[in-house]
Amino acid sequence: MIDDDGYRPNVGIVICNRQGQVMWARRFGQHSWQFPQGGINPGETPEQAMYRELFEEVGLSRKDVRILASTRNWLRYKLPKRLVRWDTKPVCIGQKQKWFLLQLIGNDTEINMQTSSTPEFDGWRWVSYWYPVRQVVSFKRDVYRRVMKEFASAVLSLQETPPKPQNAPAWRRKRG
């Protein structure tokens, strides 16, 4: 399904852990990495598409994650001309995406890239929060930067603070 402007509706998924790291996935048989993403089927809401793609691409279900945020607006990127399939109708010139920030509440051993007969990814790892912005393919970089900027406060609020040492003196303001 392509909209009138030539963009394919799509969802993007950022999965984070309690340490504020994000899941970074390697595309099957390639050396490129990205966040999970996928198209929205006719009649599907963005949230329904997100849960479907979450299972198809990384094997996680609704019970394994918690939605922390979603982007306020649709974000768009154009495909480089060399990647546009000019012989298909309608022509898709890019993607418009609704992004979701999920917290993994289960164990990361639940992540399974092999739930589909045609897997999108063949590996994954936890990376620092801003790492994907520098590493993603150049035509997606602006969207990734905007997504990560919008989700940053939600991820920061999640991070576990280290426990205070037992014998640490309390901070006090000097009077006088």
Protein backbone atom coordinates (compact mmCIF):
# COMPACT_ATOMS: atom_id res chain seq x y z
CA MET A 1 0.00 0.00 0.00
CA ILE A 2 1.60 3.24 -1.20
CA ASP A 3 0.11 6.65 -0.36
CA ASP A 4 -0.59 9.38 -2.93
CA ASP A 5 2.85 10.92 -2.37
CA GLY A 6 4.65 7.63 -3.07
CA TYR A 7 5.44 6.66 0.53
CA ARG A 8 4.82 3.22 2.01
CA PRO A 9 3.29 3.30 5.53
CA ASN A 10 5.60 1.51 7.91
CA VAL A 11 6.37 1.03 11.60
CA GLY A 12 9.77 1.22 13.24
CA ILE A 13 10.63 -0.41 16.55
CA VAL A 14 13.24 0.63 19.12
CA ILE A 15 13.61 -2.00 21.87
CA CYS A 16 15.51 -0.94 24.99
CA ASN A 17 16.66 -2.63 28.16
CA ARG A 18 16.79 -1.27 31.71
CA GLN A 19 20.34 -0.01 31.19
CA GLY A 20 19.21 2.31 28.39
CA GLN A 21 20.80 0.23 25.65
CA VAL A 22 18.92 -0.51 22.43
CA MET A 23 18.68 -3.67 20.35
CA TRP A 24 20.60 -3.33 17.08
CA ALA A 25 19.89 -6.00 14.44
CA ARG A 26 22.02 -7.17 11.51
CA ARG A 27 20.16 -7.61 8.22
CA PHE A 28 20.18 -11.20 7.00
CA GLY A 29 23.27 -12.02 4.95
CA GLN A 30 24.52 -8.42 4.99
CA HIS A 31 26.85 -6.22 6.95
CA SER A 32 24.20 -3.55 7.52
CA TRP A 33 22.41 -3.01 10.82
CA GLN A 34 19.12 -1.34 11.69
CA PHE A 35 16.13 -1.33 14.01
CA PRO A 36 13.26 -3.70 13.20
CA GLN A 37 10.69 -2.16 10.87
CA GLY A 38 7.99 -3.26 8.48
CA GLY A 39 4.98 -2.31 6.42
CA ILE A 40 1.47 -1.69 7.66
CA ASN A 41 -1.07 -3.99 6.01
CA PRO A 42 -4.46 -2.70 4.78
CA GLY A 43 -6.89 -2.50 7.71
CA GLU A 44 -4.09 -2.70 10.30
CA THR A 45 -3.40 0.04 12.85
CA PRO A 46 0.23 1.08 13.40
CA GLU A 47 0.18 -0.62 16.82
CA GLN A 48 -1.16 -3.89 15.35
CA ALA A 49 1.53 -3.76 12.65
CA MET A 50 4.18 -3.12 15.30
CA TYR A 51 3.22 -6.24 17.28
CA ARG A 52 3.09 -8.34 14.11
CA GLU A 53 6.50 -7.11 12.94
CA LEU A 54 7.92 -7.54 16.45
CA PHE A 55 7.05 -11.23 16.35
CA GLU A 56 7.99 -11.82 12.70
CA GLU A 57 11.38 -10.11 12.94
CA VAL A 58 12.60 -10.76 16.49
CA GLY A 59 10.25 -13.39 17.93
CA LEU A 60 8.90 -11.24 20.77
CA SER A 61 5.24 -10.99 21.69
CA ARG A 62 3.10 -8.46 23.54
CA LYS A 63 3.90 -10.15 26.88
CA ASP A 64 7.65 -9.60 26.40
CA VAL A 65 7.53 -5.82 26.01
CA ARG A 66 5.93 -2.64 27.28
CA ILE A 67 5.17 0.35 25.04
CA LEU A 68 6.93 3.41 26.48
CA ALA A 69 6.29 5.89 23.68
CA SER A 70 5.44 6.40 20.04
CA THR A 71 6.37 9.24 17.73
CA ARG A 72 3.91 12.13 17.61
CA ASN A 73 4.08 12.37 13.83
CA TRP A 74 4.84 10.23 10.83
CA LEU A 75 8.51 10.47 9.87
CA ARG A 76 9.58 10.09 6.24
CA TYR A 77 12.67 9.15 4.36
CA LYS A 78 13.26 8.96 0.63
CA LEU A 79 14.99 6.01 -0.94
CA PRO A 80 18.09 6.73 -3.00
CA LYS A 81 17.15 6.73 -6.71
CA ARG A 82 19.16 3.54 -7.27
CA LEU A 83 16.84 1.68 -4.83
CA VAL A 84 13.51 2.91 -6.24
CA ARG A 85 11.70 0.22 -8.26
CA TRP A 86 10.55 2.37 -11.16
CA ASP A 87 8.85 -0.54 -12.94
CA THR A 88 6.27 -1.11 -10.16
CA LYS A 89 3.00 0.80 -9.94
CA PRO A 90 2.45 2.78 -7.86
CA VAL A 91 6.11 3.77 -7.52
CA CYS A 92 7.36 3.79 -3.91
CA ILE A 93 9.87 6.61 -3.38
CA GLY A 94 10.30 6.09 0.37
CA GLN A 95 8.70 5.20 3.65
CA LYS A 96 6.59 7.10 6.14
CA GLN A 97 7.00 5.63 9.58
CA LYS A 98 5.32 5.61 12.95
CA TRP A 99 7.93 4.61 15.54
CA PHE A 100 7.45 2.78 18.85
CA LEU A 101 9.76 2.65 21.85
CA LEU A 102 9.44 -0.66 23.69
CA GLN A 103 11.03 -1.82 26.90
CA LEU A 104 11.98 -5.48 27.02
CA ILE A 105 10.38 -6.75 30.22
CA GLY A 106 11.13 -10.40 29.60
CA ASN A 107 14.52 -11.98 29.16
CA ASP A 108 16.59 -11.30 26.07
CA THR A 109 16.87 -15.06 25.57
CA GLU A 110 13.33 -14.77 24.16
CA ILE A 111 14.70 -12.89 21.13
CA ASN A 112 14.53 -15.22 18.12
CA MET A 113 15.39 -14.07 14.62
CA GLN A 114 14.21 -17.34 13.05
CA THR A 115 10.41 -17.14 13.50
CA SER A 116 9.82 -16.41 9.81
CA SER A 117 10.56 -18.58 6.77
CA THR A 118 12.38 -15.54 5.36
CA PRO A 119 14.19 -13.93 8.32
CA GLU A 120 14.98 -10.21 8.13
CA PHE A 121 17.89 -10.46 10.57
CA ASP A 122 20.58 -12.99 11.43
CA GLY A 123 22.08 -11.38 14.53
CA TRP A 124 21.64 -8.69 17.13
CA ARG A 125 23.36 -6.97 20.05
CA TRP A 126 22.74 -4.35 22.71
CA VAL A 127 24.37 -1.01 21.87
CA SER A 128 24.55 2.40 23.52
CA TYR A 129 21.51 4.58 22.95
CA TRP A 130 22.94 7.00 20.35
CA TYR A 131 25.10 4.44 18.50
CA PRO A 132 22.49 3.64 15.78
CA VAL A 133 22.27 7.29 14.67
CA ARG A 134 25.92 7.18 13.58
CA GLN A 135 25.82 3.66 12.14
CA VAL A 136 22.59 3.38 10.14
CA VAL A 137 22.65 3.71 6.35
CA SER A 138 22.88 7.40 5.41
CA PHE A 139 19.39 7.84 3.90
CA LYS A 140 17.76 6.76 7.20
CA ARG A 141 20.05 8.84 9.45
CA ASP A 142 17.81 11.90 9.81
CA VAL A 143 14.79 9.78 10.77
CA TYR A 144 16.87 7.84 13.31
CA ARG A 145 18.20 11.08 14.82
CA ARG A 146 14.66 12.47 15.17
CA VAL A 147 13.32 9.21 16.66
CA MET A 148 16.11 8.91 19.20
CA LYS A 149 15.81 12.56 20.19
CA GLU A 150 12.05 12.17 20.73
CA PHE A 151 12.46 8.98 22.80
CA ALA A 152 15.54 10.03 24.83
CA SER A 153 13.73 11.26 27.94
CA ALA A 154 11.66 8.07 28.20
CA VAL A 155 14.80 5.92 28.03
CA LEU A 156 16.71 8.09 30.51
CA SER A 157 13.88 7.75 33.04
CA LEU A 158 14.19 3.94 32.80
CA GLN A 159 17.85 3.57 33.57
CA GLU A 160 18.54 1.91 36.86
CA THR A 161 20.49 4.14 39.20
CA PRO A 162 23.28 2.36 41.05
CA PRO A 163 22.55 1.78 44.74
CA LYS A 164 24.15 4.23 47.15
CA PRO A 165 27.03 2.67 49.11
CA GLN A 166 25.94 1.80 52.66
CA ASN A 167 28.53 3.88 54.51
CA ALA A 168 28.51 6.91 52.24
CA PRO A 169 28.15 10.18 54.10
CA ALA A 170 25.06 12.18 53.32
CA TRP A 171 25.62 15.43 51.48
CA ARG A 172 24.97 18.49 53.59
CA ARG A 173 25.02 22.17 52.81
CA LYS A 174 27.42 24.18 54.93
CA ARG A 175 25.71 26.82 56.95
CA GLY A 176 27.24 30.14 57.52
